[in-house]
C-alpha atoms as a PDB file:
ATOM      1  CA  UNK A   1     -13.465  12.991  -3.188  1.00  0.00           C
ATOM      2  CA  UNK A   2      -9.736  12.934  -3.874  1.00  0.00           C
ATOM      3  CA  UNK A   3      -8.527  10.875  -6.823  1.00  0.00           C
ATOM      4  CA  UNK A   4      -4.870  10.252  -7.693  1.00  0.00           C
ATOM      5  CA  UNK A   5      -3.816   9.140 -11.171  1.00  0.00           C
ATOM      6  CA  UNK A   6      -0.400   7.947 -12.378  1.00  0.00           C
ATOM      7  CA  UNK A   7      -0.077   8.972 -15.994  1.00  0.00           C
ATOM      8  CA  UNK A   8       2.040   8.894 -19.099  1.00  0.00           C
ATOM      9  CA  UNK A   9       1.219  10.867 -22.231  1.00  0.00           C
ATOM     10  CA  UNK A  10      -1.506  10.274 -24.815  1.00  0.00           C
ATOM     11  CA  UNK A  11      -3.394   7.352 -23.256  1.00  0.00           C
ATOM     12  CA  UNK A  12      -3.160   8.776 -19.775  1.00  0.00           C
ATOM     13  CA  UNK A  13      -4.215  12.249 -20.883  1.00  0.00           C
ATOM     14  CA  UNK A  14      -7.265  10.959 -22.726  1.00  0.00           C
ATOM     15  CA  UNK A  15      -8.225   8.813 -19.745  1.00  0.00           C
ATOM     16  CA  UNK A  16      -7.964  11.755 -17.329  1.00  0.00           C
ATOM     17  CA  UNK A  17      -9.977  13.941 -19.682  1.00  0.00           C
ATOM     18  CA  UNK A  18     -12.660  11.256 -19.684  1.00  0.00           C
ATOM     19  CA  UNK A  19     -12.456  10.979 -15.901  1.00  0.00           C
ATOM     20  CA  UNK A  20     -12.943  14.721 -15.444  1.00  0.00           C
ATOM     21  CA  UNK A  21     -15.887  14.623 -17.851  1.00  0.00           C
ATOM     22  CA  UNK A  22     -17.484  11.820 -15.822  1.00  0.00           C
ATOM     23  CA  UNK A  23     -16.930  13.656 -12.551  1.00  0.00           C
ATOM     24  CA  UNK A  24     -18.344  16.919 -13.871  1.00  0.00           C
ATOM     25  CA  UNK A  25     -21.496  15.250 -15.223  1.00  0.00           C
ATOM     26  CA  UNK A  26     -22.225  13.127 -12.158  1.00  0.00           C
ATOM     27  CA  UNK A  27     -23.934  15.277  -9.491  1.00  0.00           C
ATOM     28  CA  UNK A  28     -22.678  13.190  -6.575  1.00  0.00           C
ATOM     29  CA  UNK A  29     -19.069  13.572  -7.770  1.00  0.00           C
ATOM     30  CA  UNK A  30     -18.906  17.238  -8.724  1.00  0.00           C
ATOM     31  CA  UNK A  31     -16.250  19.063  -6.750  1.00  0.00           C
ATOM     32  CA  UNK A  32     -13.932  16.056  -6.737  1.00  0.00           C
ATOM     33  CA  UNK A  33     -10.203  16.776  -6.915  1.00  0.00           C
ATOM     34  CA  UNK A  34      -7.953  14.935  -9.364  1.00  0.00           C
ATOM     35  CA  UNK A  35      -4.201  14.863  -8.809  1.00  0.00           C
ATOM     36  CA  UNK A  36      -2.276  13.654 -11.852  1.00  0.00           C
ATOM     37  CA  UNK A  37       1.267  12.412 -11.228  1.00  0.00           C
ATOM     38  CA  UNK A  38       3.053  12.641 -14.560  1.00  0.00           C
ATOM     39  CA  UNK A  39       5.972  10.662 -15.896  1.00  0.00           C
ATOM     40  CA  UNK A  40       9.014  12.860 -16.545  1.00  0.00           C
ATOM     41  CA  UNK A  41      11.368  10.093 -17.625  1.00  0.00           C
ATOM     42  CA  UNK A  42      10.705  11.095 -21.253  1.00  0.00           C
ATOM     43  CA  UNK A  43      12.098  14.594 -20.650  1.00  0.00           C
ATOM     44  CA  UNK A  44      14.978  15.770 -22.801  1.00  0.00           C
ATOM     45  CA  UNK A  45      16.825  18.885 -23.897  1.00  0.00           C
ATOM     46  CA  UNK A  46      16.449  19.944 -27.543  1.00  0.00           C
ATOM     47  CA  UNK A  47      17.913  23.072 -29.139  1.00  0.00           C
ATOM     48  CA  UNK A  48      18.848  24.245 -25.648  1.00  0.00           C
ATOM     49  CA  UNK A  49      15.274  23.931 -24.372  1.00  0.00           C
ATOM     50  CA  UNK A  50      13.876  21.566 -21.749  1.00  0.00           C
ATOM     51  CA  UNK A  51      11.024  19.483 -23.139  1.00  0.00           C
ATOM     52  CA  UNK A  52       8.594  17.422 -21.013  1.00  0.00           C
ATOM     53  CA  UNK A  53       6.554  15.406 -23.541  1.00  0.00           C
ATOM     54  CA  UNK A  54       4.156  13.652 -21.151  1.00  0.00           C
ATOM     55  CA  UNK A  55       3.552  16.730 -19.011  1.00  0.00           C
ATOM     56  CA  UNK A  56       2.861  18.812 -22.118  1.00  0.00           C
ATOM     57  CA  UNK A  57       0.478  16.234 -23.596  1.00  0.00           C
ATOM     58  CA  UNK A  58      -1.460  16.311 -20.336  1.00  0.00           C
ATOM     59  CA  UNK A  59      -1.498  20.124 -20.332  1.00  0.00           C
ATOM     60  CA  UNK A  60      -2.731  20.413 -23.906  1.00  0.00           C
ATOM     61  CA  UNK A  61      -5.269  17.575 -23.703  1.00  0.00           C
ATOM     62  CA  UNK A  62      -6.798  18.641 -20.398  1.00  0.00           C
ATOM     63  CA  UNK A  63      -6.616  22.311 -21.361  1.00  0.00           C
ATOM     64  CA  UNK A  64      -8.372  21.877 -24.694  1.00  0.00           C
ATOM     65  CA  UNK A  65      -5.418  22.695 -26.949  1.00  0.00           C
ATOM     66  CA  UNK A  66      -4.159  19.321 -28.151  1.00  0.00           C
ATOM     67  CA  UNK A  67      -3.906  18.184 -31.758  1.00  0.00           C
ATOM     68  CA  UNK A  68      -6.640  15.560 -31.608  1.00  0.00           C
ATOM     69  CA  UNK A  69      -5.493  13.637 -34.660  1.00  0.00           C
ATOM     70  CA  UNK A  70      -2.021  13.098 -33.247  1.00  0.00           C
ATOM     71  CA  UNK A  71      -2.937  12.946 -29.589  1.00  0.00           C
ATOM     72  CA  UNK A  72       0.063  15.161 -28.804  1.00  0.00           C
ATOM     73  CA  UNK A  73       1.293  18.623 -29.762  1.00  0.00           C
ATOM     74  CA  UNK A  74      -0.811  21.711 -30.282  1.00  0.00           C
ATOM     75  CA  UNK A  75      -3.861  22.107 -32.461  1.00  0.00           C
ATOM     76  CA  UNK A  76      -3.529  24.464 -35.461  1.00  0.00           C
ATOM     77  CA  UNK A  77       0.239  24.206 -35.216  1.00  0.00           C
ATOM     78  CA  UNK A  78       2.931  25.494 -37.573  1.00  0.00           C
ATOM     79  CA  UNK A  79       6.419  24.051 -38.022  1.00  0.00           C
ATOM     80  CA  UNK A  80       8.041  27.110 -39.591  1.00  0.00           C
ATOM     81  CA  UNK A  81      10.624  27.414 -36.835  1.00  0.00           C
ATOM     82  CA  UNK A  82      11.489  23.711 -37.097  1.00  0.00           C
ATOM     83  CA  UNK A  83      12.010  24.157 -40.848  1.00  0.00           C
ATOM     84  CA  UNK A  84      14.266  27.141 -40.236  1.00  0.00           C
ATOM     85  CA  UNK A  85      16.287  25.177 -37.680  1.00  0.00           C
ATOM     86  CA  UNK A  86      16.744  22.483 -40.319  1.00  0.00           C
ATOM     87  CA  UNK A  87      17.922  25.097 -42.820  1.00  0.00           C
ATOM     88  CA  UNK A  88      20.591  26.120 -40.311  1.00  0.00           C
ATOM     89  CA  UNK A  89      21.598  22.482 -39.864  1.00  0.00           C
ATOM     90  CA  UNK A  90      20.496  22.405 -36.207  1.00  0.00           C
ATOM     91  CA  UNK A  91      20.136  18.861 -34.907  1.00  0.00           C
ATOM     92  CA  UNK A  92      18.274  16.698 -34.101  1.00  0.00           C
ATOM     93  CA  UNK A  93      15.489  16.903 -36.674  1.00  0.00           C
ATOM     94  CA  UNK A  94      13.691  13.659 -35.814  1.00  0.00           C
ATOM     95  CA  UNK A  95      11.756  15.319 -32.961  1.00  0.00           C
ATOM     96  CA  UNK A  96       9.383  17.931 -34.355  1.00  0.00           C
ATOM     97  CA  UNK A  97       8.637  21.007 -32.274  1.00  0.00           C
ATOM     98  CA  UNK A  98       5.767  23.185 -33.442  1.00  0.00           C
ATOM     99  CA  UNK A  99       5.883  26.944 -33.077  1.00  0.00           C
ATOM    100  CA  UNK A 100       3.195  27.113 -30.368  1.00  0.00           C
ATOM    101  CA  UNK A 101       4.718  24.121 -28.592  1.00  0.00           C
ATOM    102  CA  UNK A 102       8.100  25.885 -28.597  1.00  0.00           C
ATOM    103  CA  UNK A 103       6.596  28.687 -26.505  1.00  0.00           C
ATOM    104  CA  UNK A 104       5.929  26.160 -23.731  1.00  0.00           C
ATOM    105  CA  UNK A 105       9.504  24.882 -23.846  1.00  0.00           C
ATOM    106  CA  UNK A 106      10.931  28.416 -23.892  1.00  0.00           C
ATOM    107  CA  UNK A 107       9.070  29.545 -20.788  1.00  0.00           C
ATOM    108  CA  UNK A 108       9.770  26.239 -19.021  1.00  0.00           C
ATOM    109  CA  UNK A 109      13.493  26.596 -19.695  1.00  0.00           C
ATOM    110  CA  UNK A 110      13.422  30.263 -18.731  1.00  0.00           C
ATOM    111  CA  UNK A 111      11.700  29.603 -15.404  1.00  0.00           C
ATOM    112  CA  UNK A 112      13.923  26.612 -14.608  1.00  0.00           C
ATOM    113  CA  UNK A 113      16.919  28.830 -15.322  1.00  0.00           C
ATOM    114  CA  UNK A 114      15.564  31.383 -12.863  1.00  0.00           C
ATOM    115  CA  UNK A 115      15.642  28.750 -10.136  1.00  0.00           C
ATOM    116  CA  UNK A 116      12.034  27.581 -10.057  1.00  0.00           C
ATOM    117  CA  UNK A 117      11.520  23.856  -9.502  1.00  0.00           C
ATOM    118  CA  UNK A 118       9.849  21.694 -12.133  1.00  0.00           C
ATOM    119  CA  UNK A 119       6.819  21.447  -9.814  1.00  0.00           C
ATOM    120  CA  UNK A 120       6.550  25.223  -9.646  1.00  0.00           C
ATOM    121  CA  UNK A 121       6.988  25.555 -13.397  1.00  0.00           C
ATOM    122  CA  UNK A 122       4.385  22.873 -14.082  1.00  0.00           C
ATOM    123  CA  UNK A 123       1.927  24.632 -11.759  1.00  0.00           C
ATOM    124  CA  UNK A 124       2.419  27.870 -13.706  1.00  0.00           C
ATOM    125  CA  UNK A 125       1.853  26.111 -17.002  1.00  0.00           C
ATOM    126  CA  UNK A 126      -1.219  24.341 -15.626  1.00  0.00           C
ATOM    127  CA  UNK A 127      -2.643  27.706 -14.548  1.00  0.00           C
ATOM    128  CA  UNK A 128      -2.295  29.015 -18.109  1.00  0.00           C
ATOM    129  CA  UNK A 129      -4.268  26.004 -19.375  1.00  0.00           C
ATOM    130  CA  UNK A 130      -6.994  26.334 -16.748  1.00  0.00           C
ATOM    131  CA  UNK A 131      -6.406  22.982 -15.058  1.00  0.00           C
ATOM    132  CA  UNK A 132      -6.981  24.189 -11.464  1.00  0.00           C
ATOM    133  CA  UNK A 133     -10.367  25.598 -12.523  1.00  0.00           C
ATOM    134  CA  UNK A 134     -11.287  22.074 -13.641  1.00  0.00           C
ATOM    135  CA  UNK A 135     -10.277  20.545 -10.314  1.00  0.00           C
ATOM    136  CA  UNK A 136      -7.023  19.116 -11.707  1.00  0.00           C
ATOM    137  CA  UNK A 137      -3.638  19.348 -10.009  1.00  0.00           C
ATOM    138  CA  UNK A 138      -0.776  18.286 -12.269  1.00  0.00           C
ATOM    139  CA  UNK A 139       2.440  17.171 -10.567  1.00  0.00           C
ATOM    140  CA  UNK A 140       5.682  15.921 -12.108  1.00  0.00           C
ATOM    141  CA  UNK A 141       6.772  12.676 -10.501  1.00  0.00           C
ATOM    142  CA  UNK A 142      10.020  14.340  -9.344  1.00  0.00           C
ATOM    143  CA  UNK A 143      11.742  17.709  -9.516  1.00  0.00           C
ATOM    144  CA  UNK A 144      15.054  15.980 -10.197  1.00  0.00           C
ATOM    145  CA  UNK A 145      16.006  15.909 -13.899  1.00  0.00           C
ATOM    146  CA  UNK A 146      15.738  12.273 -15.001  1.00  0.00           C
ATOM    147  CA  UNK A 147      15.954  10.779 -18.483  1.00  0.00           C
ATOM    148  CA  UNK A 148      15.156   7.277 -19.681  1.00  0.00           C
ATOM    149  CA  UNK A 149      17.740   5.754 -21.994  1.00  0.00           C
ATOM    150  CA  UNK A 150      17.562   2.550 -23.996  1.00  0.00           C
ATOM    151  CA  UNK A 151      20.475   0.159 -24.488  1.00  0.00           C
ATOM    152  CA  UNK A 152      20.388  -1.070 -28.096  1.00  0.00           C
ATOM    153  CA  UNK A 153      22.703  -3.060 -30.329  1.00  0.00           C
ATOM    154  CA  UNK A 154      22.548  -2.355 -34.084  1.00  0.00           C
ATOM    155  CA  UNK A 155      26.085  -3.512 -34.684  1.00  0.00           C
ATOM    156  CA  UNK A 156      27.250  -1.182 -31.954  1.00  0.00           C
ATOM    157  CA  UNK A 157      26.053  -1.564 -28.384  1.00  0.00           C
ATOM    158  CA  UNK A 158      25.105   1.873 -27.106  1.00  0.00           C
ATOM    159  CA  UNK A 159      22.564   3.794 -25.074  1.00  0.00           C
ATOM    160  CA  UNK A 160      20.263   6.282 -26.772  1.00  0.00           C
ATOM    161  CA  UNK A 161      17.624   8.545 -25.314  1.00  0.00           C
ATOM    162  CA  UNK A 162      14.213   6.922 -25.048  1.00  0.00           C
ATOM    163  CA  UNK A 163      12.686   9.550 -27.345  1.00  0.00           C
ATOM    164  CA  UNK A 164      15.179   8.749 -30.081  1.00  0.00           C
ATOM    165  CA  UNK A 165      14.352   5.044 -29.782  1.00  0.00           C
ATOM    166  CA  UNK A 166      10.607   5.758 -29.743  1.00  0.00           C
ATOM    167  CA  UNK A 167      10.235   8.621 -32.231  1.00  0.00           C
ATOM    168  CA  UNK A 168      13.147   8.183 -34.609  1.00  0.00           C
ATOM    169  CA  UNK A 169      13.392   4.399 -34.684  1.00  0.00           C
ATOM    170  CA  UNK A 170       9.763   3.564 -33.765  1.00  0.00           C
ATOM    171  CA  UNK A 171      11.101   1.030 -31.242  1.00  0.00           C
ATOM    172  CA  UNK A 172      12.344  -1.103 -34.136  1.00  0.00           C
ATOM    173  CA  UNK A 173      15.796  -1.453 -32.582  1.00  0.00           C
ATOM    174  CA  UNK A 174      15.544  -4.315 -30.074  1.00  0.00           C
ATOM    175  CA  UNK A 175      15.902  -2.867 -26.592  1.00  0.00           C
ATOM    176  CA  UNK A 176      18.226  -4.714 -24.237  1.00  0.00           C
ATOM    177  CA  UNK A 177      17.645  -2.573 -21.182  1.00  0.00           C
ATOM    178  CA  UNK A 178      16.083   0.665 -19.930  1.00  0.00           C
ATOM    179  CA  UNK A 179      18.234   2.920 -17.759  1.00  0.00           C
ATOM    180  CA  UNK A 180      16.835   6.000 -16.006  1.00  0.00           C
ATOM    181  CA  UNK A 181      19.661   8.477 -15.598  1.00  0.00           C
ATOM    182  CA  UNK A 182      19.323  10.594 -12.463  1.00  0.00           C
ATOM    183  CA  UNK A 183      16.867   8.289 -10.737  1.00  0.00           C
ATOM    184  CA  UNK A 184      19.403   7.431  -8.042  1.00  0.00           C
ATOM    185  CA  UNK A 185      19.294  11.076  -6.934  1.00  0.00           C
ATOM    186  CA  UNK A 186      15.548  11.551  -7.347  1.00  0.00           C
ATOM    187  CA  UNK A 187      12.902  12.113  -4.713  1.00  0.00           C
ATOM    188  CA  UNK A 188       9.171  12.333  -5.214  1.00  0.00           C
ATOM    189  CA  UNK A 189       8.072  15.873  -6.053  1.00  0.00           C
ATOM    190  CA  UNK A 190       6.255  17.844  -3.351  1.00  0.00           C
ATOM    191  CA  UNK A 191       2.691  16.624  -2.994  1.00  0.00           C
ATOM    192  CA  UNK A 192       3.141  13.309  -4.794  1.00  0.00           C
ATOM    193  CA  UNK A 193       3.335  10.988  -1.801  1.00  0.00           C
ATOM    194  CA  UNK A 194       0.677  12.920   0.119  1.00  0.00           C
ATOM    195  CA  UNK A 195      -1.680  12.649  -2.855  1.00  0.00           C
ATOM    196  CA  UNK A 196      -1.304   8.873  -2.824  1.00  0.00           C
ATOM    197  CA  UNK A 197      -1.562   8.552   0.948  1.00  0.00           C
ATOM    198  CA  UNK A 198      -4.703  10.695   1.249  1.00  0.00           C
ATOM    199  CA  UNK A 199      -6.523   9.614  -1.922  1.00  0.00           C
ATOM    200  CA  UNK A 200      -9.988   8.111  -1.787  1.00  0.00           C
ATOM    201  CA  UNK A 201      -9.312   6.317  -5.071  1.00  0.00           C
ATOM    202  CA  UNK A 202      -6.163   5.676  -7.114  1.00  0.00           C
ATOM    203  CA  UNK A 203      -6.253   4.959 -10.838  1.00  0.00           C
ATOM    204  CA  UNK A 204      -3.738   3.649 -13.357  1.00  0.00           C
ATOM    205  CA  UNK A 205      -4.795   4.617 -16.902  1.00  0.00           C
ATOM    206  CA  UNK A 206      -3.763   2.574 -19.947  1.00  0.00           C
ATOM    207  CA  UNK A 207      -0.320   4.177 -20.073  1.00  0.00           C
ATOM    208  CA  UNK A 208       2.845   2.282 -20.992  1.00  0.00           C
ATOM    209  CA  UNK A 209       3.537  -0.066 -18.046  1.00  0.00           C
ATOM    210  CA  UNK A 210       7.320   0.022 -18.512  1.00  0.00           C
ATOM    211  CA  UNK A 211       8.400   3.504 -19.596  1.00  0.00           C
ATOM    212  CA  UNK A 212       5.518   5.578 -18.199  1.00  0.00           C
ATOM    213  CA  UNK A 213       3.870   4.085 -15.113  1.00  0.00           C
ATOM    214  CA  UNK A 214       6.888   1.867 -14.506  1.00  0.00           C
ATOM    215  CA  UNK A 215       9.179   4.894 -14.311  1.00  0.00           C
ATOM    216  CA  UNK A 216       6.856   6.691 -11.882  1.00  0.00           C
ATOM    217  CA  UNK A 217       6.819   3.586  -9.696  1.00  0.00           C
ATOM    218  CA  UNK A 218      10.623   3.645  -9.644  1.00  0.00           C
ATOM    219  CA  UNK A 219      10.713   7.026  -7.894  1.00  0.00           C
ATOM    220  CA  UNK A 220      11.661   6.362  -4.262  1.00  0.00           C
ATOM    221  CA  UNK A 221       8.625   6.218  -2.001  1.00  0.00           C
ATOM    222  CA  UNK A 222       5.943   5.983  -4.684  1.00  0.00           C
ATOM    223  CA  UNK A 223       5.470   2.221  -4.656  1.00  0.00           C
ATOM    224  CA  UNK A 224       5.556   2.147  -0.856  1.00  0.00           C
ATOM    225  CA  UNK A 225       2.895   4.868  -0.739  1.00  0.00           C
ATOM    226  CA  UNK A 226       0.684   2.810  -3.037  1.00  0.00           C
ATOM    227  CA  UNK A 227       1.163  -0.311  -0.922  1.00  0.00           C
ATOM    228  CA  UNK A 228       0.316   1.623   2.207  1.00  0.00           C
ATOM    229  CA  UNK A 229      -2.664   3.554   0.882  1.00  0.00           C
ATOM    230  CA  UNK A 230      -6.094   2.756   2.295  1.00  0.00           C
ATOM    231  CA  UNK A 231      -7.652   3.636  -1.078  1.00  0.00           C
ATOM    232  CA  UNK A 232      -8.467   0.933  -3.583  1.00  0.00           C
ATOM    233  CA  UNK A 233      -6.222   1.000  -6.633  1.00  0.00           C
ATOM    234  CA  UNK A 234      -7.748   0.178 -10.020  1.00  0.00           C
ATOM    235  CA  UNK A 235      -5.955   0.009 -13.344  1.00  0.00           C
ATOM    236  CA  UNK A 236      -6.870  -0.203 -17.021  1.00  0.00           C
ATOM    237  CA  UNK A 237      -5.003  -2.598 -19.289  1.00  0.00           C
ATOM    238  CA  UNK A 238      -3.079  -0.951 -22.152  1.00  0.00           C
ATOM    239  CA  UNK A 239      -3.250  -4.189 -24.152  1.00  0.00           C
ATOM    240  CA  UNK A 240      -6.068  -5.785 -26.118  1.00  0.00           C
ATOM    241  CA  UNK A 241      -5.537  -9.415 -27.018  1.00  0.00           C
ATOM    242  CA  UNK A 242      -1.808  -9.060 -26.526  1.00  0.00           C
ATOM    243  CA  UNK A 243      -1.411  -5.955 -28.699  1.00  0.00           C
ATOM    244  CA  UNK A 244      -0.952  -2.362 -27.504  1.00  0.00           C
ATOM    245  CA  UNK A 245      -3.783   0.025 -28.290  1.00  0.00           C
ATOM    246  CA  UNK A 246      -1.146   2.496 -29.483  1.00  0.00           C
ATOM    247  CA  UNK A 247       2.605   2.804 -29.201  1.00  0.00           C
ATOM    248  CA  UNK A 248       5.124   0.068 -28.544  1.00  0.00           C
ATOM    249  CA  UNK A 249       4.304  -1.349 -25.122  1.00  0.00           C
ATOM    250  CA  UNK A 250       4.935  -4.858 -26.458  1.00  0.00           C
ATOM    251  CA  UNK A 251       8.532  -3.951 -27.387  1.00  0.00           C
ATOM    252  CA  UNK A 252       9.047  -2.404 -23.962  1.00  0.00           C
ATOM    253  CA  UNK A 253       7.677  -5.477 -22.199  1.00  0.00           C
ATOM    254  CA  UNK A 254       9.921  -7.743 -24.272  1.00  0.00           C
ATOM    255  CA  UNK A 255      12.952  -5.744 -23.111  1.00  0.00           C
ATOM    256  CA  UNK A 256      12.190  -6.550 -19.466  1.00  0.00           C
ATOM    257  CA  UNK A 257      11.229 -10.153 -20.176  1.00  0.00           C
ATOM    258  CA  UNK A 258       7.493  -9.807 -19.543  1.00  0.00           C
ATOM    259  CA  UNK A 259       4.900 -11.323 -21.922  1.00  0.00           C
ATOM    260  CA  UNK A 260       2.661  -8.880 -23.762  1.00  0.00           C
ATOM    261  CA  UNK A 261      -0.557  -9.965 -22.067  1.00  0.00           C
ATOM    262  CA  UNK A 262      -3.096  -8.162 -19.925  1.00  0.00           C
ATOM    263  CA  UNK A 263      -2.441 -10.639 -17.124  1.00  0.00           C
ATOM    264  CA  UNK A 264       1.325 -10.109 -17.184  1.00  0.00           C
ATOM    265  CA  UNK A 265       0.975  -6.325 -17.157  1.00  0.00           C
ATOM    266  CA  UNK A 266      -1.430  -6.537 -14.227  1.00  0.00           C
ATOM    267  CA  UNK A 267       1.144  -8.695 -12.493  1.00  0.00           C
ATOM    268  CA  UNK A 268       3.628  -5.820 -12.618  1.00  0.00           C
ATOM    269  CA  UNK A 269       1.318  -3.955 -10.228  1.00  0.00           C
ATOM    270  CA  UNK A 270       0.054  -6.896  -8.184  1.00  0.00           C
ATOM    271  CA  UNK A 271       1.736  -5.808  -4.945  1.00  0.00           C
ATOM    272  CA  UNK A 272      -0.594  -2.801  -4.664  1.00  0.00           C
ATOM    273  CA  UNK A 273      -3.309  -3.299  -7.310  1.00  0.00           C
ATOM    274  CA  UNK A 274      -6.845  -4.164  -6.177  1.00  0.00           C
ATOM    275  CA  UNK A 275      -8.728  -4.296  -9.486  1.00  0.00           C
ATOM    276  CA  UNK A 276      -7.765  -4.595 -13.158  1.00  0.00           C
ATOM    277  CA  UNK A 277     -10.069  -3.630 -16.033  1.00  0.00           C
ATOM    278  CA  UNK A 278      -9.395  -5.608 -19.217  1.00  0.00           C
ATOM    279  CA  UNK A 279     -10.822  -5.878 -22.726  1.00  0.00           C
ATOM    280  CA  UNK A 280     -13.379  -8.620 -23.425  1.00  0.00           C
ATOM    281  CA  UNK A 281     -10.696 -10.353 -25.503  1.00  0.00           C
ATOM    282  CA  UNK A 282      -8.739 -10.823 -22.270  1.00  0.00           C
ATOM    283  CA  UNK A 283     -11.650 -11.893 -20.089  1.00  0.00           C
ATOM    284  CA  UNK A 284      -9.884 -15.098 -19.057  1.00  0.00           C
ATOM    285  CA  UNK A 285      -6.907 -13.170 -17.626  1.00  0.00           C
ATOM    286  CA  UNK A 286      -6.086 -13.762 -13.979  1.00  0.00           C
ATOM    287  CA  UNK A 287      -3.777 -11.846 -11.659  1.00  0.00           C
ATOM    288  CA  UNK A 288      -3.126 -13.284  -8.234  1.00  0.00           C
ATOM    289  CA  UNK A 289      -4.906 -11.356  -5.484  1.00  0.00           C
ATOM    290  CA  UNK A 290      -6.440  -8.883  -7.933  1.00  0.00           C
ATOM    291  CA  UNK A 291     -10.061  -8.560  -9.081  1.00  0.00           C
ATOM    292  CA  UNK A 292      -9.914  -8.858 -12.882  1.00  0.00           C
ATOM    293  CA  UNK A 293     -13.002  -7.453 -14.598  1.00  0.00           C
ATOM    294  CA  UNK A 294     -13.732  -7.539 -18.332  1.00  0.00           C
ATOM    295  CA  UNK A 295     -15.181  -4.344 -19.783  1.00  0.00           C
ATOM    296  CA  UNK A 296     -18.524  -4.741 -21.559  1.00  0.00           C
ATOM    297  CA  UNK A 297     -17.214  -3.498 -24.924  1.00  0.00           C
ATOM    298  CA  UNK A 298     -13.857  -2.961 -26.638  1.00  0.00           C
ATOM    299  CA  UNK A 299     -11.527  -1.098 -24.284  1.00  0.00           C
ATOM    300  CA  UNK A 300     -10.947   1.809 -26.674  1.00  0.00           C
ATOM    301  CA  UNK A 301     -10.989   5.551 -25.984  1.00  0.00           C
ATOM    302  CA  UNK A 302     -12.165   6.797 -29.370  1.00  0.00           C
ATOM    303  CA  UNK A 303     -13.652  10.054 -28.063  1.00  0.00           C
ATOM    304  CA  UNK A 304     -14.402  11.837 -24.789  1.00  0.00           C
ATOM    305  CA  UNK A 305     -17.641   9.900 -24.032  1.00  0.00           C
ATOM    306  CA  UNK A 306     -15.936   6.519 -24.540  1.00  0.00           C
ATOM    307  CA  UNK A 307     -12.999   7.617 -22.368  1.00  0.00           C
ATOM    308  CA  UNK A 308     -15.473   8.809 -19.727  1.00  0.00           C
ATOM    309  CA  UNK A 309     -17.218   5.403 -19.700  1.00  0.00           C
ATOM    310  CA  UNK A 310     -13.893   3.613 -19.246  1.00  0.00           C
ATOM    311  CA  UNK A 311     -12.853   6.020 -16.497  1.00  0.00           C
ATOM    312  CA  UNK A 312     -16.188   5.450 -14.761  1.00  0.00           C
ATOM    313  CA  UNK A 313     -15.748   1.679 -15.030  1.00  0.00           C
ATOM    314  CA  UNK A 314     -12.296   1.952 -13.449  1.00  0.00           C
ATOM    315  CA  UNK A 315     -13.572   4.280 -10.737  1.00  0.00           C
ATOM    316  CA  UNK A 316     -16.447   1.876 -10.041  1.00  0.00           C
ATOM    317  CA  UNK A 317     -13.838  -0.783  -9.262  1.00  0.00           C
ATOM    318  CA  UNK A 318     -12.553   1.437  -6.437  1.00  0.00           C
ATOM    319  CA  UNK A 319     -16.077   1.686  -5.029  1.00  0.00           C
ATOM    320  CA  UNK A 320     -16.146   5.426  -5.715  1.00  0.00           C
ATOM    321  CA  UNK A 321     -17.654   5.686  -9.202  1.00  0.00           C
ATOM    322  CA  UNK A 322     -21.125   7.047  -8.461  1.00  0.00           C
END
């Protein structure tokens, strides 16, 4: 079986890890292939290095090297280099890069500078983390450098990088608009559209619907491929009773004028979505033309087994779960 997943960072990575666990422990599903299409709208350049936060969170989580407490970054990490950069007055300092994490950014920047595409670089990094051996193919949504910016007004109307808004300001500055620089020149990365067109099942994990999955859907051809796919598409709500499980999805939804409800988020995908898994607190949610199913317990991925159960429930909604 071929499964395609559109993913952001922490929530998406934990969902895919649960999915792979379910596939590997279900005899009828062993040997399945999972293609993860990662958001790269969060990418930025720091200290001269190209950083891909969502791609790296997927690499570390699926490769067994993530800092579990944070959900991002490397386990057993040191920040000695970051402290030394601060001593030199190198800016910015609001985005912490651990020493082991820096190695990833150094080789990524080195290989990009040698002319390799982001897809080729990501494949090399995935090989180091053993993803192909686990039946996982990790693709960036596009090889074109794109960056999400947020228009804010804190006495001065300006655009700042999404990561600054998210990490430095914790989304406390009201967002007026999201702008994805470079998207007008972007094309889907090699393999992305084929993965969607040939998938037996397509899954949307509980990633941010605006600045993660929403950015992937903005890449030319992706939404059309989802509409045209013969596979059933099932998604998992990132909201429970109107509140995000983690992060600031509610602030992002407010910026685009969408209510922070499971039903409204499902409505963002209604043109291609077949089934929508929601928390019991949102059991009354309805999305036109979509099968809305309430999970049988709180929709929380607290560990690998709970993530695996949620992934199985979503896969069941595509008719391919067992």
